[in-house]
C-alpha atoms as a PDB file:
ATOM      1  CA  MET A   1       6.342  12.670 -90.869  1.00  0.00           C
ATOM      2  CA  PRO A   2       4.012  11.899 -93.813  1.00  0.00           C
ATOM      3  CA  ASP A   3       0.432  13.102 -93.607  1.00  0.00           C
ATOM      4  CA  SER A   4      -2.441  10.659 -93.067  1.00  0.00           C
ATOM      5  CA  ALA A   5      -3.437  10.690 -96.760  1.00  0.00           C
ATOM      6  CA  THR A   6       0.083   9.606 -97.742  1.00  0.00           C
ATOM      7  CA  LEU A   7       0.058   6.819 -95.153  1.00  0.00           C
ATOM      8  CA  THR A   8      -3.349   5.634 -96.361  1.00  0.00           C
ATOM      9  CA  ARG A   9      -2.133   5.495 -99.971  1.00  0.00           C
ATOM     10  CA  HIS A  10       0.920   3.463 -98.906  1.00  0.00           C
ATOM     11  CA  ARG A  11      -1.271   1.014 -96.957  1.00  0.00           C
ATOM     12  CA  ASP A  12      -3.582   0.673 -99.958  1.00  0.00           C
ATOM     13  CA  LYS A  13      -0.634  -0.042-102.254  1.00  0.00           C
ATOM     14  CA  ASN A  14       0.785  -2.498 -99.713  1.00  0.00           C
ATOM     15  CA  GLY A  15      -2.518  -4.370 -99.738  1.00  0.00           C
ATOM     16  CA  GLU A  16      -2.565  -4.535-103.518  1.00  0.00           C
ATOM     17  CA  ILE A  17       1.059  -5.659-103.655  1.00  0.00           C
ATOM     18  CA  SER A  18       0.582  -8.292-100.969  1.00  0.00           C
ATOM     19  CA  LYS A  19      -2.544  -9.653-102.630  1.00  0.00           C
ATOM     20  CA  LYS A  20      -0.971  -9.908-106.081  1.00  0.00           C
ATOM     21  CA  HIS A  21       2.654 -10.710-105.222  1.00  0.00           C
ATOM     22  CA  GLY A  22       2.661 -11.877-101.608  1.00  0.00           C
ATOM     23  CA  ASN A  23       4.001 -15.341-102.418  1.00  0.00           C
ATOM     24  CA  THR A  24       7.136 -13.938-104.061  1.00  0.00           C
ATOM     25  CA  LEU A  25      10.295 -14.745-102.132  1.00  0.00           C
ATOM     26  CA  VAL A  26      12.646 -12.012-100.949  1.00  0.00           C
ATOM     27  CA  ARG A  27      15.399 -13.898-102.812  1.00  0.00           C
ATOM     28  CA  THR A  28      13.558 -13.319-106.099  1.00  0.00           C
ATOM     29  CA  LEU A  29      13.146  -9.601-105.432  1.00  0.00           C
ATOM     30  CA  ARG A  30      16.819  -9.216-104.511  1.00  0.00           C
ATOM     31  CA  LYS A  31      17.759 -10.372-108.021  1.00  0.00           C
ATOM     32  CA  THR A  32      16.286  -7.112-109.301  1.00  0.00           C
ATOM     33  CA  TYR A  33      16.615  -4.706-106.383  1.00  0.00           C
ATOM     34  CA  GLY A  34      19.949  -5.892-104.991  1.00  0.00           C
ATOM     35  CA  ALA A  35      21.205  -7.450-101.763  1.00  0.00           C
ATOM     36  CA  HIS A  36      20.179  -4.357 -99.780  1.00  0.00           C
ATOM     37  CA  PHE A  37      16.479  -5.009-100.497  1.00  0.00           C
ATOM     38  CA  ALA A  38      14.474  -5.980 -97.382  1.00  0.00           C
ATOM     39  CA  LYS A  39      17.504  -5.640 -95.148  1.00  0.00           C
ATOM     40  CA  GLY A  40      17.319  -8.001 -92.172  1.00  0.00           C
ATOM     41  CA  CYS A  41      14.899 -10.393 -93.883  1.00  0.00           C
ATOM     42  CA  ASP A  42      15.689 -13.947 -94.875  1.00  0.00           C
ATOM     43  CA  ASP A  43      15.893 -14.898 -98.562  1.00  0.00           C
ATOM     44  CA  LYS A  44      13.233 -17.571 -98.006  1.00  0.00           C
ATOM     45  CA  GLU A  45      10.626 -15.227 -96.521  1.00  0.00           C
ATOM     46  CA  LYS A  46       7.627 -14.288 -98.637  1.00  0.00           C
ATOM     47  CA  LEU A  47       6.896 -10.691 -99.507  1.00  0.00           C
ATOM     48  CA  SER A  48       3.607 -10.891 -97.603  1.00  0.00           C
ATOM     49  CA  GLU A  49       5.572 -11.792 -94.461  1.00  0.00           C
ATOM     50  CA  VAL A  50       7.999  -8.867 -94.681  1.00  0.00           C
ATOM     51  CA  LEU A  51       6.031  -6.108 -96.390  1.00  0.00           C
ATOM     52  CA  HIS A  52       5.047  -4.445 -93.101  1.00  0.00           C
ATOM     53  CA  LYS A  53       8.665  -4.113 -91.990  1.00  0.00           C
ATOM     54  CA  LEU A  54      10.352  -2.963 -95.211  1.00  0.00           C
ATOM     55  CA  ASP A  55      12.578   0.084 -95.101  1.00  0.00           C
ATOM     56  CA  GLU A  56      11.494   3.144 -97.088  1.00  0.00           C
ATOM     57  CA  PRO A  57      13.793   2.592-100.115  1.00  0.00           C
ATOM     58  CA  SER A  58      12.653  -1.035-100.524  1.00  0.00           C
ATOM     59  CA  LEU A  59       8.988  -0.128-100.160  1.00  0.00           C
ATOM     60  CA  SER A  60       9.303   2.822-102.541  1.00  0.00           C
ATOM     61  CA  SER A  61      10.882   0.583-105.185  1.00  0.00           C
ATOM     62  CA  LEU A  62       8.029  -1.896-104.902  1.00  0.00           C
ATOM     63  CA  ILE A  63       5.348   0.781-105.081  1.00  0.00           C
ATOM     64  CA  ARG A  64       7.003   2.502-108.048  1.00  0.00           C
ATOM     65  CA  ASP A  65       7.263  -0.753-109.986  1.00  0.00           C
ATOM     66  CA  HIS A  66       3.739  -1.813-108.994  1.00  0.00           C
ATOM     67  CA  GLU A  67       2.310   1.472-110.268  1.00  0.00           C
ATOM     68  CA  SER A  68       4.237   1.193-113.542  1.00  0.00           C
ATOM     69  CA  GLY A  69       3.192  -2.441-114.074  1.00  0.00           C
ATOM     70  CA  ARG A  70       6.797  -3.669-113.879  1.00  0.00           C
ATOM     71  CA  LEU A  71       6.445  -5.521-110.560  1.00  0.00           C
ATOM     72  CA  GLU A  72       4.645  -8.441-112.167  1.00  0.00           C
ATOM     73  CA  GLN A  73       7.669  -9.112-114.394  1.00  0.00           C
ATOM     74  CA  VAL A  74      10.087  -8.666-111.468  1.00  0.00           C
ATOM     75  CA  CYS A  75       8.183 -11.243-109.434  1.00  0.00           C
ATOM     76  CA  ARG A  76       8.137 -13.698-112.333  1.00  0.00           C
ATOM     77  CA  ASP A  77      11.905 -13.619-112.910  1.00  0.00           C
END
């Protein structure tokens, strides 16, 4: 299990991602990350609606791209 500092960092990143990209549809993100992204979520759901229930690989991809500045482009496409 991750330590509390790791969990806090993930929550902080989730807040940043939701604030900046929360209106992005899962369908849009699947164009980049593939059909496996946000497994169990509907294409028409917004990122802000599903962020709290993302699996680890999906969340890690978002955080990685957010930190590198790439997520903005992904959400625009």
